[in-house]
Amino acid sequence: MEYGNDFFGMNIEEVRRTAGSMEQAAQKITDVVTRLNAALQSTEWRGPDADRFREEWNSQHAPAIRAVADDVRSSASEVRMNIEAQITTSRNY
């Protein structure tokens, strides 16, 4: 692939801000799950539908949402590793 005179590399500060935004978003996702768990526990709702819903929430939905947060954190970590690689590469030129 040819890049000609186009920019090739990264704006380290901009990418660092993006990684920070990703980490903040992951935390917000985690916080939403925590708040929803608390709301479900404090909601007066009894019966088979409530039991089924809570079981599905605890066994399927909440873990799936947490997995999204974990994936976003992992991606932010990968971005930070790319920043370090860019810094090392730039020092070698």
PDB file of N, CA and C in Angstrom:
ATOM      1  N   MET A   1       0.837  -1.165   0.000  1.00  0.00           N
ATOM      2  CA  MET A   1       0.000   0.000   0.000  1.00  0.00           C
ATOM      3  C   MET A   1       0.887   1.234   0.000  1.00  0.00           C
ATOM      4  N   GLU A   2       0.584   2.168  -0.870  1.00  0.00           N
ATOM      5  CA  GLU A   2       1.369   3.394  -0.951  1.00  0.00           C
ATOM      6  C   GLU A   2       0.644   4.525  -0.240  1.00  0.00           C
ATOM      7  N   TYR A   3       1.421   5.349   0.450  1.00  0.00           N
ATOM      8  CA  TYR A   3       0.846   6.456   1.194  1.00  0.00           C
ATOM      9  C   TYR A   3       1.258   7.808   0.627  1.00  0.00           C
ATOM     10  N   GLY A   4       2.230   7.810  -0.281  1.00  0.00           N
ATOM     11  CA  GLY A   4       2.657   9.069  -0.880  1.00  0.00           C
ATOM     12  C   GLY A   4       3.050  10.087   0.167  1.00  0.00           C
ATOM     13  N   ASN A   5       2.565  11.286   0.004  1.00  0.00           N
ATOM     14  CA  ASN A   5       2.874  12.369   0.943  1.00  0.00           C
ATOM     15  C   ASN A   5       1.840  12.478   2.052  1.00  0.00           C
ATOM     16  N   ASP A   6       0.908  11.535   2.101  1.00  0.00           N
ATOM     17  CA  ASP A   6      -0.108  11.564   3.141  1.00  0.00           C
ATOM     18  C   ASP A   6       0.515  11.265   4.496  1.00  0.00           C
ATOM     19  N   PHE A   7      -0.135  11.740   5.529  1.00  0.00           N
ATOM     20  CA  PHE A   7       0.307  11.483   6.902  1.00  0.00           C
ATOM     21  C   PHE A   7       0.284   9.994   7.166  1.00  0.00           C
ATOM     22  N   PHE A   8       1.325   9.477   7.807  1.00  0.00           N
ATOM     23  CA  PHE A   8       1.424   8.075   8.168  1.00  0.00           C
ATOM     24  C   PHE A   8       1.959   8.008   9.585  1.00  0.00           C
ATOM     25  N   GLY A   9       1.215   7.419  10.479  1.00  0.00           N
ATOM     26  CA  GLY A   9       1.610   7.354  11.880  1.00  0.00           C
ATOM     27  C   GLY A   9       0.424   7.725  12.741  1.00  0.00           C
ATOM     28  N   MET A  10       0.688   8.416  13.838  1.00  0.00           N
ATOM     29  CA  MET A  10      -0.426   8.811  14.699  1.00  0.00           C
ATOM     30  C   MET A  10      -0.108  10.116  15.407  1.00  0.00           C
ATOM     31  N   ASN A  11      -1.171  10.822  15.708  1.00  0.00           N
ATOM     32  CA  ASN A  11      -1.094  11.974  16.590  1.00  0.00           C
ATOM     33  C   ASN A  11      -1.223  11.396  17.991  1.00  0.00           C
ATOM     34  N   ILE A  12      -0.118  11.279  18.685  1.00  0.00           N
ATOM     35  CA  ILE A  12      -0.066  10.562  19.953  1.00  0.00           C
ATOM     36  C   ILE A  12      -1.025  11.148  20.986  1.00  0.00           C
ATOM     37  N   GLU A  13      -1.075  12.453  21.103  1.00  0.00           N
ATOM     38  CA  GLU A  13      -1.952  13.064  22.114  1.00  0.00           C
ATOM     39  C   GLU A  13      -3.422  12.817  21.774  1.00  0.00           C
ATOM     40  N   GLU A  14      -3.764  12.895  20.516  1.00  0.00           N
ATOM     41  CA  GLU A  14      -5.148  12.651  20.107  1.00  0.00           C
ATOM     42  C   GLU A  14      -5.546  11.197  20.367  1.00  0.00           C
ATOM     43  N   VAL A  15      -4.665  10.275  20.045  1.00  0.00           N
ATOM     44  CA  VAL A  15      -4.948   8.858  20.270  1.00  0.00           C
ATOM     45  C   VAL A  15      -4.982   8.555  21.770  1.00  0.00           C
ATOM     46  N   ARG A  16      -4.137   9.211  22.539  1.00  0.00           N
ATOM     47  CA  ARG A  16      -4.150   9.048  24.002  1.00  0.00           C
ATOM     48  C   ARG A  16      -5.500   9.506  24.573  1.00  0.00           C
ATOM     49  N   ARG A  17      -6.021  10.628  24.065  1.00  0.00           N
ATOM     50  CA  ARG A  17      -7.338  11.107  24.503  1.00  0.00           C
ATOM     51  C   ARG A  17      -8.430  10.104  24.126  1.00  0.00           C
ATOM     52  N   THR A  18      -8.296   9.526  22.952  1.00  0.00           N
ATOM     53  CA  THR A  18      -9.276   8.523  22.512  1.00  0.00           C
ATOM     54  C   THR A  18      -9.258   7.313  23.443  1.00  0.00           C
ATOM     55  N   ALA A  19      -8.083   6.849  23.813  1.00  0.00           N
ATOM     56  CA  ALA A  19      -7.984   5.720  24.754  1.00  0.00           C
ATOM     57  C   ALA A  19      -8.632   6.076  26.084  1.00  0.00           C
ATOM     58  N   GLY A  20      -8.409   7.299  26.556  1.00  0.00           N
ATOM     59  CA  GLY A  20      -9.040   7.743  27.796  1.00  0.00           C
ATOM     60  C   GLY A  20     -10.552   7.775  27.679  1.00  0.00           C
ATOM     61  N   SER A  21     -11.047   8.227  26.535  1.00  0.00           N
ATOM     62  CA  SER A  21     -12.497   8.247  26.303  1.00  0.00           C
ATOM     63  C   SER A  21     -13.066   6.836  26.293  1.00  0.00           C
ATOM     64  N   MET A  22     -12.316   5.913  25.734  1.00  0.00           N
ATOM     65  CA  MET A  22     -12.762   4.517  25.712  1.00  0.00           C
ATOM     66  C   MET A  22     -12.847   3.967  27.131  1.00  0.00           C
ATOM     67  N   GLU A  23     -11.845   4.262  27.956  1.00  0.00           N
ATOM     68  CA  GLU A  23     -11.855   3.784  29.341  1.00  0.00           C
ATOM     69  C   GLU A  23     -13.010   4.403  30.120  1.00  0.00           C
ATOM     70  N   GLN A  24     -13.291   5.680  29.889  1.00  0.00           N
ATOM     71  CA  GLN A  24     -14.414   6.326  30.559  1.00  0.00           C
ATOM     72  C   GLN A  24     -15.744   5.704  30.117  1.00  0.00           C
ATOM     73  N   ALA A  25     -15.860   5.409  28.836  1.00  0.00           N
ATOM     74  CA  ALA A  25     -17.089   4.790  28.338  1.00  0.00           C
ATOM     75  C   ALA A  25     -17.290   3.412  28.958  1.00  0.00           C
ATOM     76  N   ALA A  26     -16.216   2.640  29.073  1.00  0.00           N
ATOM     77  CA  ALA A  26     -16.305   1.316  29.696  1.00  0.00           C
ATOM     78  C   ALA A  26     -16.767   1.433  31.144  1.00  0.00           C
ATOM     79  N   GLN A  27     -16.262   2.443  31.847  1.00  0.00           N
ATOM     80  CA  GLN A  27     -16.676   2.636  33.235  1.00  0.00           C
ATOM     81  C   GLN A  27     -18.148   3.027  33.312  1.00  0.00           C
ATOM     82  N   LYS A  28     -18.603   3.852  32.392  1.00  0.00           N
ATOM     83  CA  LYS A  28     -20.018   4.239  32.371  1.00  0.00           C
ATOM     84  C   LYS A  28     -20.908   3.022  32.141  1.00  0.00           C
ATOM     85  N   ILE A  29     -20.483   2.131  31.256  1.00  0.00           N
ATOM     86  CA  ILE A  29     -21.242   0.906  31.008  1.00  0.00           C
ATOM     87  C   ILE A  29     -21.327   0.078  32.286  1.00  0.00           C
ATOM     88  N   THR A  30     -20.194  -0.071  32.967  1.00  0.00           N
ATOM     89  CA  THR A  30     -20.161  -0.819  34.221  1.00  0.00           C
ATOM     90  C   THR A  30     -21.064  -0.167  35.265  1.00  0.00           C
ATOM     91  N   ASP A  31     -21.031   1.150  35.329  1.00  0.00           N
ATOM     92  CA  ASP A  31     -21.876   1.873  36.282  1.00  0.00           C
ATOM     93  C   ASP A  31     -23.364   1.663  35.998  1.00  0.00           C
ATOM     94  N   VAL A  32     -23.737   1.596  34.735  1.00  0.00           N
ATOM     95  CA  VAL A  32     -25.136   1.362  34.372  1.00  0.00           C
ATOM     96  C   VAL A  32     -25.593  -0.003  34.889  1.00  0.00           C
ATOM     97  N   VAL A  33     -24.760  -1.015  34.713  1.00  0.00           N
ATOM     98  CA  VAL A  33     -25.112  -2.348  35.205  1.00  0.00           C
ATOM     99  C   VAL A  33     -25.285  -2.318  36.723  1.00  0.00           C
ATOM    100  N   THR A  34     -24.396  -1.635  37.410  1.00  0.00           N
ATOM    101  CA  THR A  34     -24.485  -1.537  38.867  1.00  0.00           C
ATOM    102  C   THR A  34     -25.790  -0.862  39.285  1.00  0.00           C
ATOM    103  N   ARG A  35     -26.131   0.236  38.620  1.00  0.00           N
ATOM    104  CA  ARG A  35     -27.372   0.945  38.963  1.00  0.00           C
ATOM    105  C   ARG A  35     -28.602   0.094  38.648  1.00  0.00           C
ATOM    106  N   LEU A  36     -28.578  -0.597  37.521  1.00  0.00           N
ATOM    107  CA  LEU A  36     -29.713  -1.452  37.175  1.00  0.00           C
ATOM    108  C   LEU A  36     -29.854  -2.617  38.149  1.00  0.00           C
ATOM    109  N   ASN A  37     -28.740  -3.195  38.569  1.00  0.00           N
ATOM    110  CA  ASN A  37     -28.795  -4.259  39.585  1.00  0.00           C
ATOM    111  C   ASN A  37     -29.459  -3.752  40.855  1.00  0.00           C
ATOM    112  N   ALA A  38     -29.059  -2.574  41.297  1.00  0.00           N
ATOM    113  CA  ALA A  38     -29.632  -1.996  42.512  1.00  0.00           C
ATOM    114  C   ALA A  38     -31.124  -1.726  42.321  1.00  0.00           C
ATOM    115  N   ALA A  39     -31.497  -1.225  41.162  1.00  0.00           N
ATOM    116  CA  ALA A  39     -32.909  -0.942  40.895  1.00  0.00           C
ATOM    117  C   ALA A  39     -33.727  -2.228  40.891  1.00  0.00           C
ATOM    118  N   LEU A  40     -33.198  -3.265  40.281  1.00  0.00           N
ATOM    119  CA  LEU A  40     -33.921  -4.545  40.256  1.00  0.00           C
ATOM    120  C   LEU A  40     -34.073  -5.138  41.650  1.00  0.00           C
ATOM    121  N   GLN A  41     -33.057  -4.994  42.467  1.00  0.00           N
ATOM    122  CA  GLN A  41     -33.129  -5.532  43.827  1.00  0.00           C
ATOM    123  C   GLN A  41     -34.110  -4.764  44.698  1.00  0.00           C
ATOM    124  N   SER A  42     -34.241  -3.470  44.455  1.00  0.00           N
ATOM    125  CA  SER A  42     -35.098  -2.656  45.308  1.00  0.00           C
ATOM    126  C   SER A  42     -36.528  -2.517  44.769  1.00  0.00           C
ATOM    127  N   THR A  43     -36.767  -3.000  43.569  1.00  0.00           N
ATOM    128  CA  THR A  43     -38.104  -2.900  42.981  1.00  0.00           C
ATOM    129  C   THR A  43     -39.016  -3.962  43.580  1.00  0.00           C
ATOM    130  N   GLU A  44     -40.170  -3.533  44.008  1.00  0.00           N
ATOM    131  CA  GLU A  44     -41.143  -4.480  44.551  1.00  0.00           C
ATOM    132  C   GLU A  44     -41.838  -5.168  43.369  1.00  0.00           C
ATOM    133  N   TRP A  45     -41.390  -6.377  43.106  1.00  0.00           N
ATOM    134  CA  TRP A  45     -41.926  -7.155  41.987  1.00  0.00           C
ATOM    135  C   TRP A  45     -41.728  -8.611  42.353  1.00  0.00           C
ATOM    136  N   ARG A  46     -42.822  -9.299  42.535  1.00  0.00           N
ATOM    137  CA  ARG A  46     -42.765 -10.701  42.951  1.00  0.00           C
ATOM    138  C   ARG A  46     -43.559 -11.553  41.980  1.00  0.00           C
ATOM    139  N   GLY A  47     -43.172 -12.798  41.935  1.00  0.00           N
ATOM    140  CA  GLY A  47     -43.892 -13.747  41.109  1.00  0.00           C
ATOM    141  C   GLY A  47     -42.985 -14.381  40.085  1.00  0.00           C
ATOM    142  N   PRO A  48     -43.548 -15.304  39.303  1.00  0.00           N
ATOM    143  CA  PRO A  48     -42.735 -16.051  38.344  1.00  0.00           C
ATOM    144  C   PRO A  48     -42.109 -15.170  37.264  1.00  0.00           C
ATOM    145  N   ASP A  49     -42.847 -14.157  36.806  1.00  0.00           N
ATOM    146  CA  ASP A  49     -42.263 -13.268  35.793  1.00  0.00           C
ATOM    147  C   ASP A  49     -41.082 -12.498  36.351  1.00  0.00           C
ATOM    148  N   ALA A  50     -41.214 -12.030  37.573  1.00  0.00           N
ATOM    149  CA  ALA A  50     -40.114 -11.311  38.214  1.00  0.00           C
ATOM    150  C   ALA A  50     -38.914 -12.234  38.404  1.00  0.00           C
ATOM    151  N   ASP A  51     -39.174 -13.430  38.872  1.00  0.00           N
ATOM    152  CA  ASP A  51     -38.086 -14.394  39.075  1.00  0.00           C
ATOM    153  C   ASP A  51     -37.385 -14.713  37.761  1.00  0.00           C
ATOM    154  N   ARG A  52     -38.183 -14.949  36.726  1.00  0.00           N
ATOM    155  CA  ARG A  52     -37.602 -15.274  35.410  1.00  0.00           C
ATOM    156  C   ARG A  52     -36.783 -14.108  34.883  1.00  0.00           C
ATOM    157  N   PHE A  53     -37.354 -12.901  34.985  1.00  0.00           N
ATOM    158  CA  PHE A  53     -36.632 -11.730  34.485  1.00  0.00           C
ATOM    159  C   PHE A  53     -35.322 -11.533  35.227  1.00  0.00           C
ATOM    160  N   ARG A  54     -35.349 -11.607  36.537  1.00  0.00           N
ATOM    161  CA  ARG A  54     -34.122 -11.416  37.322  1.00  0.00           C
ATOM    162  C   ARG A  54     -33.084 -12.493  37.004  1.00  0.00           C
ATOM    163  N   GLU A  55     -33.557 -13.729  36.844  1.00  0.00           N
ATOM    164  CA  GLU A  55     -32.629 -14.810  36.481  1.00  0.00           C
ATOM    165  C   GLU A  55     -31.986 -14.532  35.126  1.00  0.00           C
ATOM    166  N   GLU A  56     -32.780 -14.118  34.156  1.00  0.00           N
ATOM    167  CA  GLU A  56     -32.223 -13.797  32.826  1.00  0.00           C
ATOM    168  C   GLU A  56     -31.273 -12.608  32.907  1.00  0.00           C
ATOM    169  N   TRP A  57     -31.647 -11.609  33.686  1.00  0.00           N
ATOM    170  CA  TRP A  57     -30.782 -10.445  33.837  1.00  0.00           C
ATOM    171  C   TRP A  57     -29.438 -10.859  34.427  1.00  0.00           C
ATOM    172  N   ASN A  58     -29.488 -11.623  35.509  1.00  0.00           N
ATOM    173  CA  ASN A  58     -28.258 -12.008  36.205  1.00  0.00           C
ATOM    174  C   ASN A  58     -27.415 -13.016  35.440  1.00  0.00           C
ATOM    175  N   SER A  59     -28.048 -13.901  34.691  1.00  0.00           N
ATOM    176  CA  SER A  59     -27.288 -14.954  34.016  1.00  0.00           C
ATOM    177  C   SER A  59     -26.922 -14.617  32.575  1.00  0.00           C
ATOM    178  N   GLN A  60     -27.677 -13.711  31.939  1.00  0.00           N
ATOM    179  CA  GLN A  60     -27.428 -13.421  30.523  1.00  0.00           C
ATOM    180  C   GLN A  60     -27.117 -11.953  30.247  1.00  0.00           C
ATOM    181  N   HIS A  61     -28.068 -11.098  30.584  1.00  0.00           N
ATOM    182  CA  HIS A  61     -27.972  -9.705  30.154  1.00  0.00           C
ATOM    183  C   HIS A  61     -26.849  -8.929  30.837  1.00  0.00           C
ATOM    184  N   ALA A  62     -26.813  -8.956  32.156  1.00  0.00           N
ATOM    185  CA  ALA A  62     -25.757  -8.222  32.868  1.00  0.00           C
ATOM    186  C   ALA A  62     -24.362  -8.719  32.479  1.00  0.00           C
ATOM    187  N   PRO A  63     -24.134 -10.047  32.407  1.00  0.00           N
ATOM    188  CA  PRO A  63     -22.804 -10.500  31.978  1.00  0.00           C
ATOM    189  C   PRO A  63     -22.454 -10.067  30.542  1.00  0.00           C
ATOM    190  N   ALA A  64     -23.452 -10.049  29.665  1.00  0.00           N
ATOM    191  CA  ALA A  64     -23.185  -9.627  28.280  1.00  0.00           C
ATOM    192  C   ALA A  64     -22.793  -8.154  28.235  1.00  0.00           C
ATOM    193  N   ILE A  65     -23.471  -7.336  29.028  1.00  0.00           N
ATOM    194  CA  ILE A  65     -23.148  -5.913  29.059  1.00  0.00           C
ATOM    195  C   ILE A  65     -21.771  -5.700  29.676  1.00  0.00           C
ATOM    196  N   ARG A  66     -21.473  -6.435  30.741  1.00  0.00           N
ATOM    197  CA  ARG A  66     -20.128  -6.336  31.346  1.00  0.00           C
ATOM    198  C   ARG A  66     -19.048  -6.767  30.350  1.00  0.00           C
ATOM    199  N   ALA A  67     -19.354  -7.761  29.527  1.00  0.00           N
ATOM    200  CA  ALA A  67     -18.385  -8.216  28.524  1.00  0.00           C
ATOM    201  C   ALA A  67     -18.092  -7.106  27.515  1.00  0.00           C
ATOM    202  N   VAL A  68     -19.107  -6.319  27.176  1.00  0.00           N
ATOM    203  CA  VAL A  68     -18.890  -5.179  26.283  1.00  0.00           C
ATOM    204  C   VAL A  68     -17.924  -4.194  26.943  1.00  0.00           C
ATOM    205  N   ALA A  69     -18.159  -3.892  28.208  1.00  0.00           N
ATOM    206  CA  ALA A  69     -17.259  -2.982  28.930  1.00  0.00           C
ATOM    207  C   ALA A  69     -15.841  -3.539  28.955  1.00  0.00           C
ATOM    208  N   ASP A  70     -15.708  -4.831  29.195  1.00  0.00           N
ATOM    209  CA  ASP A  70     -14.379  -5.459  29.208  1.00  0.00           C
ATOM    210  C   ASP A  70     -13.708  -5.367  27.839  1.00  0.00           C
ATOM    211  N   ASP A  71     -14.493  -5.560  26.776  1.00  0.00           N
ATOM    212  CA  ASP A  71     -13.943  -5.455  25.418  1.00  0.00           C
ATOM    213  C   ASP A  71     -13.477  -4.032  25.120  1.00  0.00           C
ATOM    214  N   VAL A  72     -14.241  -3.047  25.562  1.00  0.00           N
ATOM    215  CA  VAL A  72     -13.851  -1.656  25.346  1.00  0.00           C
ATOM    216  C   VAL A  72     -12.568  -1.354  26.128  1.00  0.00           C
ATOM    217  N   ARG A  73     -12.479  -1.838  27.362  1.00  0.00           N
ATOM    218  CA  ARG A  73     -11.243  -1.652  28.149  1.00  0.00           C
ATOM    219  C   ARG A  73     -10.052  -2.319  27.464  1.00  0.00           C
ATOM    220  N   SER A  74     -10.271  -3.502  26.961  1.00  0.00           N
ATOM    221  CA  SER A  74      -9.208  -4.228  26.264  1.00  0.00           C
ATOM    222  C   SER A  74      -8.756  -3.464  25.022  1.00  0.00           C
ATOM    223  N   SER A  75      -9.711  -2.908  24.303  1.00  0.00           N
ATOM    224  CA  SER A  75      -9.368  -2.119  23.123  1.00  0.00           C
ATOM    225  C   SER A  75      -8.592  -0.870  23.508  1.00  0.00           C
ATOM    226  N   ALA A  76      -8.974  -0.229  24.599  1.00  0.00           N
ATOM    227  CA  ALA A  76      -8.238   0.941  25.071  1.00  0.00           C
ATOM    228  C   ALA A  76      -6.805   0.562  25.430  1.00  0.00           C
ATOM    229  N   SER A  77      -6.648  -0.589  26.038  1.00  0.00           N
ATOM    230  CA  SER A  77      -5.306  -1.064  26.383  1.00  0.00           C
ATOM    231  C   SER A  77      -4.482  -1.306  25.117  1.00  0.00           C
ATOM    232  N   GLU A  78      -5.108  -1.871  24.107  1.00  0.00           N
ATOM    233  CA  GLU A  78      -4.412  -2.102  22.836  1.00  0.00           C
ATOM    234  C   GLU A  78      -4.011  -0.772  22.198  1.00  0.00           C
ATOM    235  N   VAL A  79      -4.888   0.207  22.274  1.00  0.00           N
ATOM    236  CA  VAL A  79      -4.568   1.538  21.749  1.00  0.00           C
ATOM    237  C   VAL A  79      -3.357   2.102  22.487  1.00  0.00           C
ATOM    238  N   ARG A  80      -3.335   1.947  23.806  1.00  0.00           N
ATOM    239  CA  ARG A  80      -2.195   2.455  24.586  1.00  0.00           C
ATOM    240  C   ARG A  80      -0.896   1.726  24.205  1.00  0.00           C
ATOM    241  N   MET A  81      -0.967   0.431  23.920  1.00  0.00           N
ATOM    242  CA  MET A  81       0.228  -0.299  23.465  1.00  0.00           C
ATOM    243  C   MET A  81       0.686   0.231  22.103  1.00  0.00           C
ATOM    244  N   ASN A  82      -0.269   0.581  21.248  1.00  0.00           N
ATOM    245  CA  ASN A  82       0.087   1.152  19.951  1.00  0.00           C
ATOM    246  C   ASN A  82       0.742   2.519  20.106  1.00  0.00           C
ATOM    247  N   ILE A  83       0.297   3.276  21.095  1.00  0.00           N
ATOM    248  CA  ILE A  83       0.931   4.567  21.371  1.00  0.00           C
ATOM    249  C   ILE A  83       2.395   4.340  21.736  1.00  0.00           C
ATOM    250  N   GLU A  84       2.634   3.398  22.647  1.00  0.00           N
ATOM    251  CA  GLU A  84       4.016   3.114  23.060  1.00  0.00           C
ATOM    252  C   GLU A  84       4.853   2.631  21.877  1.00  0.00           C
ATOM    253  N   ALA A  85       4.267   1.816  21.024  1.00  0.00           N
ATOM    254  CA  ALA A  85       4.995   1.344  19.838  1.00  0.00           C
ATOM    255  C   ALA A  85       5.327   2.510  18.915  1.00  0.00           C
ATOM    256  N   GLN A  86       4.388   3.430  18.765  1.00  0.00           N
ATOM    257  CA  GLN A  86       4.632   4.604  17.919  1.00  0.00           C
ATOM    258  C   GLN A  86       5.754   5.460  18.498  1.00  0.00           C
ATOM    259  N   ILE A  87       5.733   5.654  19.818  1.00  0.00           N
ATOM    260  CA  ILE A  87       6.784   6.444  20.473  1.00  0.00           C
ATOM    261  C   ILE A  87       8.143   5.792  20.249  1.00  0.00           C
ATOM    262  N   THR A  88       8.213   4.468  20.440  1.00  0.00           N
ATOM    263  CA  THR A  88       9.477   3.745  20.236  1.00  0.00           C
ATOM    264  C   THR A  88       9.935   3.846  18.795  1.00  0.00           C
ATOM    265  N   THR A  89       9.017   3.679  17.858  1.00  0.00           N
ATOM    266  CA  THR A  89       9.365   3.771  16.438  1.00  0.00           C
ATOM    267  C   THR A  89       9.860   5.156  16.095  1.00  0.00           C
ATOM    268  N   SER A  90       9.181   6.156  16.605  1.00  0.00           N
ATOM    269  CA  SER A  90       9.573   7.544  16.310  1.00  0.00           C
ATOM    270  C   SER A  90      10.962   7.874  16.859  1.00  0.00           C
ATOM    271  N   ARG A  91      11.312   7.293  18.010  1.00  0.00           N
ATOM    272  CA  ARG A  91      12.635   7.526  18.598  1.00  0.00           C
ATOM    273  C   ARG A  91      13.728   6.910  17.740  1.00  0.00           C
ATOM    274  N   ASN A  92      13.393   5.832  17.040  1.00  0.00           N
ATOM    275  CA  ASN A  92      14.378   5.119  16.235  1.00  0.00           C
ATOM    276  C   ASN A  92      14.601   5.759  14.866  1.00  0.00           C
ATOM    277  N   TYR A  93      13.861   6.809  14.564  1.00  0.00           N
ATOM    278  CA  TYR A  93      14.035   7.475  13.246  1.00  0.00           C
ATOM    279  C   TYR A  93      14.649   8.822  13.380  1.00  0.00           C
TER     280      TYR A  93
END
